[in-house]
Amino acid sequence: MLALQKHIIKKQNEHRNHSFFEELDKQEDFFNAMDFAVKLTFWVMAFQDILRLIPPRINSKALRRIATHHKVEDGGHNLWFLQDINFLNKGNNKHNNIAWLFSKENEIARDFSYRMISEVFNLAKDHEKITLILALESGGHVFFEKISNFVKLKGYNADLKYFSSHHLEVEKNHAVFEESLMKELVSLQLNEEERLQAIALVDRFYEGINTLFDQFYNNFIYA
């Protein structure tokens, strides 16, 4: 499993260098810069269902316990997100409606969310389901590190929760969870085909999340 762990770190570092984060740091107007945030709505909500759906589909008690712990740890973060969106929109909820969520503007976010949910239903083996959790976590670490630094720099850290250092600290506390998870994974014996399937799953996640951030980057450039 060491090869899988190294691959996740590699993809994580590549995502850390996404042009979106570089362009975000150049933005002077905080609220204009954070206009991308509301477009995460569909993914943030779907993410909660992904966490809910994985544990009962894991056969191993030890791995199921870890997946359940992750679900509990991240439970309710969607409420932080909605609070922050309300603040960022200055109380204007024009985007918080069903029609807007299913508009063309949100197609990439929806497609990415559907692909990740389909993974949950299609993955047959426990190690693949746990690999999906590892991939999701690794991407989250990058995002919350980058966005919380930007929020703090602009002086809005105390006004936000999901996008602030508050969430980043929660993510850092997942390190203990991830250490336990990796110990369980290391004990699993994967053949070459299984290892390649797990790596392909990580690649599919990062392909999807990078496509979403491509959209956010293009919104900066072509706004």
Protein backbone atom coordinates (compact mmCIF):
# COMPACT_ATOMS: atom_id res chain seq x y z
CA MET A 1 0.00 0.00 0.00
CA LEU A 2 3.04 2.28 0.23
CA ALA A 3 2.92 2.82 -3.53
CA LEU A 4 -0.72 3.93 -3.26
CA GLN A 5 0.09 6.34 -0.45
CA LYS A 6 2.92 7.85 -2.49
CA HIS A 7 0.61 8.24 -5.47
CA ILE A 8 -1.99 10.07 -3.39
CA ILE A 9 0.68 12.47 -2.13
CA LYS A 10 1.87 13.03 -5.70
CA LYS A 11 -1.64 13.88 -6.92
CA GLN A 12 -2.21 16.05 -3.86
CA ASN A 13 0.93 18.09 -4.58
CA GLU A 14 -0.07 18.49 -8.21
CA HIS A 15 -3.47 19.80 -7.11
CA ARG A 16 -1.77 22.19 -4.67
CA ASN A 17 -0.16 23.85 -7.68
CA HIS A 18 -3.43 24.33 -9.55
CA SER A 19 -3.63 27.72 -11.30
CA PHE A 20 -6.83 28.53 -9.41
CA PHE A 21 -5.01 28.89 -6.10
CA GLU A 22 -2.35 31.09 -7.65
CA GLU A 23 -4.99 33.33 -9.21
CA LEU A 24 -6.98 33.42 -5.97
CA ASP A 25 -4.01 34.89 -4.12
CA LYS A 26 -3.87 37.74 -6.66
CA GLN A 27 -7.46 38.84 -6.03
CA GLU A 28 -7.85 42.14 -4.23
CA ASP A 29 -11.61 42.20 -3.66
CA PHE A 30 -12.46 39.49 -1.14
CA PHE A 31 -16.14 39.06 -1.96
CA ASN A 32 -15.57 38.99 -5.70
CA ALA A 33 -12.81 36.43 -5.21
CA MET A 34 -15.08 34.23 -3.12
CA ASP A 35 -17.80 34.23 -5.78
CA PHE A 36 -16.69 30.69 -6.69
CA ALA A 37 -17.71 29.41 -3.23
CA VAL A 38 -21.43 29.14 -3.88
CA LYS A 39 -20.69 26.97 -6.93
CA LEU A 40 -19.38 24.32 -4.52
CA THR A 41 -22.87 23.88 -3.06
CA PHE A 42 -23.86 20.74 -4.95
CA TRP A 43 -20.53 19.04 -4.20
CA VAL A 44 -20.54 19.96 -0.50
CA MET A 45 -24.02 18.51 -0.07
CA ALA A 46 -23.25 15.38 -2.12
CA PHE A 47 -20.07 14.87 -0.09
CA GLN A 48 -22.17 14.31 3.02
CA ASP A 49 -24.06 11.53 1.24
CA ILE A 50 -20.82 9.93 0.07
CA LEU A 51 -19.68 9.76 3.69
CA ARG A 52 -23.04 8.26 4.68
CA LEU A 53 -23.07 5.65 1.93
CA ILE A 54 -19.57 4.23 2.32
CA PRO A 55 -19.57 2.66 5.84
CA PRO A 56 -22.47 0.19 5.42
CA ARG A 57 -20.88 -1.05 2.20
CA ILE A 58 -17.61 -2.05 3.89
CA ASN A 59 -17.35 -5.66 5.04
CA SER A 60 -14.33 -5.37 7.32
CA LYS A 61 -15.37 -4.28 10.82
CA ALA A 62 -12.08 -2.44 11.36
CA LEU A 63 -12.32 -0.52 8.10
CA ARG A 64 -16.02 0.12 8.58
CA ARG A 65 -15.28 1.60 12.00
CA ILE A 66 -12.74 3.97 10.47
CA ALA A 67 -15.13 5.01 7.68
CA THR A 68 -17.89 5.61 10.24
CA HIS A 69 -15.53 7.73 12.33
CA HIS A 70 -14.78 9.83 9.28
CA LYS A 71 -18.49 10.30 8.58
CA VAL A 72 -19.07 11.47 12.16
CA GLU A 73 -16.05 13.78 12.13
CA ASP A 74 -17.20 15.54 8.94
CA GLY A 75 -20.89 15.48 9.76
CA GLY A 76 -22.56 18.88 9.80
CA HIS A 77 -19.81 20.70 7.91
CA ASN A 78 -22.39 21.42 5.22
CA LEU A 79 -24.15 23.63 7.76
CA TRP A 80 -20.94 25.61 8.25
CA PHE A 81 -20.81 25.97 4.49
CA LEU A 82 -24.36 27.35 4.27
CA GLN A 83 -23.65 29.83 7.06
CA ASP A 84 -20.58 31.07 5.23
CA ILE A 85 -22.41 31.33 1.91
CA ASN A 86 -25.06 33.47 3.58
CA PHE A 87 -22.32 35.79 4.86
CA LEU A 88 -20.47 35.87 1.53
CA ASN A 89 -23.69 36.66 -0.32
CA LYS A 90 -24.44 39.31 2.30
CA GLY A 91 -27.77 37.69 3.05
CA ASN A 92 -28.80 37.56 -0.60
CA ASN A 93 -29.95 33.98 -1.26
CA LYS A 94 -30.55 34.37 -4.99
CA HIS A 95 -28.32 31.35 -5.71
CA ASN A 96 -29.70 29.14 -2.95
CA ASN A 97 -32.52 27.58 -4.92
CA ILE A 98 -33.17 24.34 -6.79
CA ALA A 99 -33.39 25.92 -10.24
CA TRP A 100 -29.96 27.53 -9.90
CA LEU A 101 -28.36 24.33 -8.56
CA PHE A 102 -29.52 22.49 -11.66
CA SER A 103 -28.58 25.24 -14.09
CA LYS A 104 -25.84 24.95 -16.71
CA GLU A 105 -23.59 27.01 -14.45
CA ASN A 106 -23.39 24.04 -12.07
CA GLU A 107 -23.10 21.20 -14.57
CA ILE A 108 -19.43 20.51 -13.84
CA ALA A 109 -20.02 20.39 -10.09
CA ARG A 110 -23.02 18.10 -10.54
CA ASP A 111 -21.22 15.78 -12.95
CA PHE A 112 -18.25 15.49 -10.59
CA SER A 113 -20.58 14.77 -7.66
CA TYR A 114 -22.48 12.11 -9.58
CA ARG A 115 -19.23 10.43 -10.64
CA MET A 116 -18.00 10.22 -7.06
CA ILE A 117 -21.33 8.88 -5.82
CA SER A 118 -21.32 6.29 -8.59
CA GLU A 119 -17.92 5.15 -7.34
CA VAL A 120 -19.45 4.30 -3.98
CA PHE A 121 -22.01 2.02 -5.59
CA ASN A 122 -19.64 0.44 -8.11
CA LEU A 123 -16.56 -0.22 -5.96
CA ALA A 124 -16.60 -3.87 -4.93
CA LYS A 125 -13.69 -4.16 -2.50
CA ASP A 126 -13.13 -2.63 0.92
CA HIS A 127 -9.70 -1.23 0.13
CA GLU A 128 -11.15 0.70 -2.82
CA LYS A 129 -13.83 2.30 -0.66
CA ILE A 130 -11.24 3.34 1.89
CA THR A 131 -9.01 4.60 -0.92
CA LEU A 132 -11.85 6.88 -2.00
CA ILE A 133 -11.98 8.33 1.52
CA LEU A 134 -8.20 8.88 1.45
CA ALA A 135 -8.46 10.67 -1.88
CA LEU A 136 -11.29 12.90 -0.67
CA GLU A 137 -9.35 13.77 2.47
CA SER A 138 -6.17 14.57 0.60
CA GLY A 139 -7.98 16.97 -1.71
CA GLY A 140 -9.72 18.58 1.25
CA HIS A 141 -6.44 19.22 3.03
CA VAL A 142 -5.13 21.21 0.09
CA PHE A 143 -8.29 23.26 -0.35
CA PHE A 144 -8.80 24.18 3.29
CA GLU A 145 -5.15 25.07 3.72
CA LYS A 146 -5.20 27.39 0.72
CA ILE A 147 -8.60 28.98 1.27
CA SER A 148 -8.15 29.56 5.00
CA ASN A 149 -4.84 31.34 4.34
CA PHE A 150 -6.59 33.61 1.84
CA VAL A 151 -9.51 34.30 4.19
CA LYS A 152 -7.15 35.10 7.06
CA LEU A 153 -5.02 37.37 4.86
CA LYS A 154 -8.12 39.34 3.86
CA GLY A 155 -9.24 39.71 7.49
CA TYR A 156 -12.42 37.59 7.44
CA ASN A 157 -11.27 34.58 9.43
CA ALA A 158 -13.52 35.36 12.39
CA ASP A 159 -16.58 35.78 10.16
CA LEU A 160 -16.39 32.36 8.52
CA LYS A 161 -16.30 28.75 9.62
CA TYR A 162 -16.19 26.40 6.63
CA PHE A 163 -13.65 28.49 4.72
CA SER A 164 -11.65 29.62 7.74
CA SER A 165 -8.84 28.27 9.90
CA HIS A 166 -11.53 26.70 12.11
CA HIS A 167 -12.21 24.07 9.44
CA LEU A 168 -8.51 23.71 8.67
CA GLU A 169 -7.81 22.78 12.29
CA VAL A 170 -10.55 20.16 12.17
CA GLU A 171 -8.97 18.73 9.03
CA LYS A 172 -5.57 18.62 10.72
CA ASN A 173 -7.10 16.64 13.57
CA HIS A 174 -7.98 13.99 11.01
CA ALA A 175 -4.28 13.15 10.87
CA VAL A 176 -4.69 10.71 13.74
CA PHE A 177 -7.59 9.10 11.95
CA GLU A 178 -5.57 8.81 8.76
CA GLU A 179 -2.64 7.19 10.57
CA SER A 180 -4.97 4.48 11.85
CA LEU A 181 -6.48 4.12 8.43
CA MET A 182 -3.09 3.70 6.77
CA LYS A 183 -2.08 1.06 9.33
CA GLU A 184 -5.17 -0.92 8.41
CA LEU A 185 -4.46 -0.48 4.72
CA VAL A 186 -0.83 -1.53 5.04
CA SER A 187 -2.02 -4.81 6.52
CA LEU A 188 -4.02 -5.50 3.36
CA GLN A 189 -2.32 -7.54 0.69
CA LEU A 190 -3.10 -6.22 -2.77
CA ASN A 191 -2.11 -7.84 -5.99
CA GLU A 192 -0.88 -5.77 -8.92
CA GLU A 193 -4.33 -5.49 -10.49
CA GLU A 194 -5.91 -4.30 -7.23
CA ARG A 195 -3.16 -1.74 -6.68
CA LEU A 196 -3.59 -0.35 -10.18
CA GLN A 197 -7.37 -0.16 -9.70
CA ALA A 198 -6.91 1.83 -6.49
CA ILE A 199 -4.48 4.20 -8.18
CA ALA A 200 -6.92 4.67 -11.06
CA LEU A 201 -9.62 5.59 -8.54
CA VAL A 202 -7.39 8.29 -7.04
CA ASP A 203 -6.73 9.60 -10.54
CA ARG A 204 -10.46 9.76 -11.31
CA PHE A 205 -11.08 11.80 -8.17
CA TYR A 206 -8.33 14.28 -8.95
CA GLU A 207 -9.33 14.52 -12.59
CA GLY A 208 -12.82 15.52 -11.46
CA ILE A 209 -11.77 18.00 -8.79
CA ASN A 210 -9.21 19.60 -11.11
CA THR A 211 -11.86 20.03 -13.80
CA LEU A 212 -14.05 21.83 -11.27
CA PHE A 213 -11.20 24.12 -10.27
CA ASP A 214 -10.43 24.73 -13.94
CA GLN A 215 -13.90 26.25 -14.15
CA PHE A 216 -13.25 28.47 -11.14
CA TYR A 217 -9.91 29.56 -12.60
CA ASN A 218 -11.53 30.40 -15.94
CA ASN A 219 -14.14 32.47 -14.13
CA PHE A 220 -11.31 34.60 -12.74
CA ILE A 221 -9.58 34.97 -16.10
CA TYR A 222 -12.63 35.58 -18.27
CA ALA A 223 -14.88 37.41 -15.83
